[in-house]
Amino acid sequence: MEEKKRYSDEELEEFRVLIEEKLRLAQRDYEKIIDELTNRNSNGVDDTSPTYHALEEGSAVQSKEQLVSLANRTQKYIAGRKAALVRSEKKTYGICRETGKLIPKERLRAVPHATLCIEVKQNNRIH
């Protein structure tokens, strides 16, 4: 029996729906992070009320840094999902970029933006 070279259109559609849902949730989360960073949902007194507590100021700075880091990770996550959508449109989704073989459906359901099969991914970690 010949090995499949790509997923069927029906299978690609299933993955596209999954990717779009994860992308929608990530974009919503990103907006919430940006809202918090820019105080969009604040009543406006956070930046104007006097504070004399250095520890509180340090904590606020640390929180902002964590939010920026989270925003950056979320942007990367979003970019990965968008790239996966492009691959699904080009019908190259789910093909390991190292081996050219199909990535198992279970892996793609767990990690929809995967471009490597688990064996290659594990080997890359070792080296």
C-alpha atoms as a PDB file:
ATOM      1  CA  MET A   1       0.000   0.000   0.000  1.00  0.00           C
ATOM      2  CA  GLU A   2       1.319   3.408  -0.975  1.00  0.00           C
ATOM      3  CA  GLU A   3       1.953   5.905   1.807  1.00  0.00           C
ATOM      4  CA  LYS A   4      -0.259   9.021   1.800  1.00  0.00           C
ATOM      5  CA  LYS A   5       1.582  12.155   0.645  1.00  0.00           C
ATOM      6  CA  ARG A   6      -0.890  14.668   2.059  1.00  0.00           C
ATOM      7  CA  TYR A   7      -4.107  14.924   4.009  1.00  0.00           C
ATOM      8  CA  SER A   8      -7.393  14.886   2.100  1.00  0.00           C
ATOM      9  CA  ASP A   9      -9.377  18.066   1.595  1.00  0.00           C
ATOM     10  CA  GLU A  10     -11.851  16.875   4.242  1.00  0.00           C
ATOM     11  CA  GLU A  11      -9.063  16.269   6.738  1.00  0.00           C
ATOM     12  CA  LEU A  12      -7.512  19.652   5.937  1.00  0.00           C
ATOM     13  CA  GLU A  13     -10.890  21.276   6.547  1.00  0.00           C
ATOM     14  CA  GLU A  14     -11.103  19.585   9.952  1.00  0.00           C
ATOM     15  CA  PHE A  15      -7.673  20.967  10.848  1.00  0.00           C
ATOM     16  CA  ARG A  16      -8.536  24.415   9.445  1.00  0.00           C
ATOM     17  CA  VAL A  17     -11.559  24.653  11.750  1.00  0.00           C
ATOM     18  CA  LEU A  18      -9.420  23.622  14.731  1.00  0.00           C
ATOM     19  CA  ILE A  19      -6.687  26.125  13.848  1.00  0.00           C
ATOM     20  CA  GLU A  20      -9.143  28.976  13.309  1.00  0.00           C
ATOM     21  CA  GLU A  21     -10.762  28.335  16.703  1.00  0.00           C
ATOM     22  CA  LYS A  22      -7.377  28.353  18.460  1.00  0.00           C
ATOM     23  CA  LEU A  23      -6.408  31.482  16.505  1.00  0.00           C
ATOM     24  CA  ARG A  24      -9.627  33.248  17.503  1.00  0.00           C
ATOM     25  CA  LEU A  25      -9.038  32.448  21.177  1.00  0.00           C
ATOM     26  CA  ALA A  26      -5.402  33.568  20.989  1.00  0.00           C
ATOM     27  CA  GLN A  27      -6.371  36.862  19.346  1.00  0.00           C
ATOM     28  CA  ARG A  28      -8.966  37.445  22.053  1.00  0.00           C
ATOM     29  CA  ASP A  29      -6.360  36.738  24.740  1.00  0.00           C
ATOM     30  CA  TYR A  30      -3.887  39.056  23.024  1.00  0.00           C
ATOM     31  CA  GLU A  31      -6.429  41.883  23.018  1.00  0.00           C
ATOM     32  CA  LYS A  32      -7.018  41.379  26.739  1.00  0.00           C
ATOM     33  CA  ILE A  33      -3.272  41.551  27.404  1.00  0.00           C
ATOM     34  CA  ILE A  34      -2.945  44.747  25.359  1.00  0.00           C
ATOM     35  CA  ASP A  35      -5.967  46.238  27.132  1.00  0.00           C
ATOM     36  CA  GLU A  36      -4.320  45.576  30.475  1.00  0.00           C
ATOM     37  CA  LEU A  37      -0.950  46.909  29.327  1.00  0.00           C
ATOM     38  CA  THR A  38      -2.441  50.126  28.012  1.00  0.00           C
ATOM     39  CA  ASN A  39      -4.992  50.506  30.822  1.00  0.00           C
ATOM     40  CA  ARG A  40      -7.798  50.693  28.253  1.00  0.00           C
ATOM     41  CA  ASN A  41     -10.309  49.302  30.722  1.00  0.00           C
ATOM     42  CA  SER A  42      -9.058  51.349  33.650  1.00  0.00           C
ATOM     43  CA  ASN A  43     -10.878  54.256  35.200  1.00  0.00           C
ATOM     44  CA  GLY A  44      -7.776  56.314  34.538  1.00  0.00           C
ATOM     45  CA  VAL A  45      -6.505  56.874  38.082  1.00  0.00           C
ATOM     46  CA  ASP A  46      -3.774  54.209  38.123  1.00  0.00           C
ATOM     47  CA  ASP A  47      -1.238  56.452  36.449  1.00  0.00           C
ATOM     48  CA  THR A  48      -2.230  59.632  38.281  1.00  0.00           C
ATOM     49  CA  SER A  49      -2.657  58.542  41.876  1.00  0.00           C
ATOM     50  CA  PRO A  50       0.456  59.251  43.956  1.00  0.00           C
ATOM     51  CA  THR A  51       2.281  56.277  45.299  1.00  0.00           C
ATOM     52  CA  TYR A  52       5.077  56.344  47.798  1.00  0.00           C
ATOM     53  CA  HIS A  53       5.737  52.656  48.065  1.00  0.00           C
ATOM     54  CA  ALA A  54       8.809  51.505  46.123  1.00  0.00           C
ATOM     55  CA  LEU A  55       7.813  47.854  46.469  1.00  0.00           C
ATOM     56  CA  GLU A  56       4.454  48.519  44.863  1.00  0.00           C
ATOM     57  CA  GLU A  57       6.131  50.383  42.010  1.00  0.00           C
ATOM     58  CA  GLY A  58       8.597  47.539  41.525  1.00  0.00           C
ATOM     59  CA  SER A  59       5.742  45.079  41.511  1.00  0.00           C
ATOM     60  CA  ALA A  60       3.892  47.133  38.900  1.00  0.00           C
ATOM     61  CA  VAL A  61       6.973  47.238  36.678  1.00  0.00           C
ATOM     62  CA  GLN A  62       7.453  43.501  37.050  1.00  0.00           C
ATOM     63  CA  SER A  63       3.798  42.912  36.162  1.00  0.00           C
ATOM     64  CA  LYS A  64       4.165  45.065  33.041  1.00  0.00           C
ATOM     65  CA  GLU A  65       7.287  43.140  32.036  1.00  0.00           C
ATOM     66  CA  GLN A  66       5.417  39.859  32.481  1.00  0.00           C
ATOM     67  CA  LEU A  67       2.530  41.174  30.392  1.00  0.00           C
ATOM     68  CA  VAL A  68       4.926  42.280  27.633  1.00  0.00           C
ATOM     69  CA  SER A  69       6.530  38.838  27.676  1.00  0.00           C
ATOM     70  CA  LEU A  70       3.113  37.185  27.539  1.00  0.00           C
ATOM     71  CA  ALA A  71       2.073  39.480  24.686  1.00  0.00           C
ATOM     72  CA  ASN A  72       5.201  38.528  22.730  1.00  0.00           C
ATOM     73  CA  ARG A  73       4.576  34.806  23.268  1.00  0.00           C
ATOM     74  CA  THR A  74       0.952  35.229  22.239  1.00  0.00           C
ATOM     75  CA  GLN A  75       1.989  37.064  19.061  1.00  0.00           C
ATOM     76  CA  LYS A  76       4.340  34.185  18.212  1.00  0.00           C
ATOM     77  CA  TYR A  77       1.515  31.714  18.900  1.00  0.00           C
ATOM     78  CA  ILE A  78      -0.807  33.686  16.592  1.00  0.00           C
ATOM     79  CA  ALA A  79       1.830  33.825  13.841  1.00  0.00           C
ATOM     80  CA  GLY A  80       2.278  30.047  14.085  1.00  0.00           C
ATOM     81  CA  ARG A  81      -1.466  29.492  13.678  1.00  0.00           C
ATOM     82  CA  LYS A  82      -1.645  31.867  10.718  1.00  0.00           C
ATOM     83  CA  ALA A  83       1.250  30.040   9.051  1.00  0.00           C
ATOM     84  CA  ALA A  84      -0.580  26.744   9.653  1.00  0.00           C
ATOM     85  CA  LEU A  85      -3.657  28.174   7.905  1.00  0.00           C
ATOM     86  CA  VAL A  86      -1.529  29.134   4.909  1.00  0.00           C
ATOM     87  CA  ARG A  87      -0.097  25.604   4.789  1.00  0.00           C
ATOM     88  CA  SER A  88      -3.627  24.171   4.893  1.00  0.00           C
ATOM     89  CA  GLU A  89      -4.661  26.411   1.987  1.00  0.00           C
ATOM     90  CA  LYS A  90      -1.610  25.261   0.014  1.00  0.00           C
ATOM     91  CA  LYS A  91      -2.401  21.649   0.980  1.00  0.00           C
ATOM     92  CA  THR A  92       1.022  21.222   2.564  1.00  0.00           C
ATOM     93  CA  TYR A  93      -0.336  21.210   6.116  1.00  0.00           C
ATOM     94  CA  GLY A  94       0.671  18.263   8.254  1.00  0.00           C
ATOM     95  CA  ILE A  95       3.757  17.336   6.256  1.00  0.00           C
ATOM     96  CA  CYS A  96       6.989  17.106   8.266  1.00  0.00           C
ATOM     97  CA  ARG A  97       9.423  19.654   6.860  1.00  0.00           C
ATOM     98  CA  GLU A  98      12.370  17.331   7.574  1.00  0.00           C
ATOM     99  CA  THR A  99      11.119  13.925   6.464  1.00  0.00           C
ATOM    100  CA  GLY A 100       8.331  14.857   4.040  1.00  0.00           C
ATOM    101  CA  LYS A 101       6.060  12.323   5.747  1.00  0.00           C
ATOM    102  CA  LEU A 102       2.667  13.045   7.249  1.00  0.00           C
ATOM    103  CA  ILE A 103       2.648  14.177  10.851  1.00  0.00           C
ATOM    104  CA  PRO A 104       0.189  11.961  12.777  1.00  0.00           C
ATOM    105  CA  LYS A 105      -3.259  13.461  13.299  1.00  0.00           C
ATOM    106  CA  GLU A 106      -2.964  13.062  17.076  1.00  0.00           C
ATOM    107  CA  ARG A 107       0.088  15.343  17.100  1.00  0.00           C
ATOM    108  CA  LEU A 108      -1.605  17.917  14.893  1.00  0.00           C
ATOM    109  CA  ARG A 109      -4.675  17.953  17.086  1.00  0.00           C
ATOM    110  CA  ALA A 110      -2.479  18.584  20.120  1.00  0.00           C
ATOM    111  CA  VAL A 111      -0.072  20.989  18.371  1.00  0.00           C
ATOM    112  CA  PRO A 112      -1.886  22.368  15.295  1.00  0.00           C
ATOM    113  CA  HIS A 113       1.069  24.500  14.212  1.00  0.00           C
ATOM    114  CA  ALA A 114       3.532  21.563  14.218  1.00  0.00           C
ATOM    115  CA  THR A 115       5.856  21.382  11.226  1.00  0.00           C
ATOM    116  CA  LEU A 116       7.942  18.461  12.491  1.00  0.00           C
ATOM    117  CA  CYS A 117       6.968  14.909  13.324  1.00  0.00           C
ATOM    118  CA  ILE A 118       7.604  13.908  16.918  1.00  0.00           C
ATOM    119  CA  GLU A 119      10.695  11.829  16.074  1.00  0.00           C
ATOM    120  CA  VAL A 120      12.440  14.770  14.391  1.00  0.00           C
ATOM    121  CA  LYS A 121      11.338  17.139  17.148  1.00  0.00           C
ATOM    122  CA  GLN A 122      12.787  14.855  19.811  1.00  0.00           C
ATOM    123  CA  ASN A 123      16.034  14.401  17.872  1.00  0.00           C
ATOM    124  CA  ASN A 124      16.400  18.184  17.519  1.00  0.00           C
ATOM    125  CA  ARG A 125      16.107  18.564  21.303  1.00  0.00           C
ATOM    126  CA  ILE A 126      18.909  16.083  21.886  1.00  0.00           C
ATOM    127  CA  HIS A 127      21.344  17.804  19.520  1.00  0.00           C
END
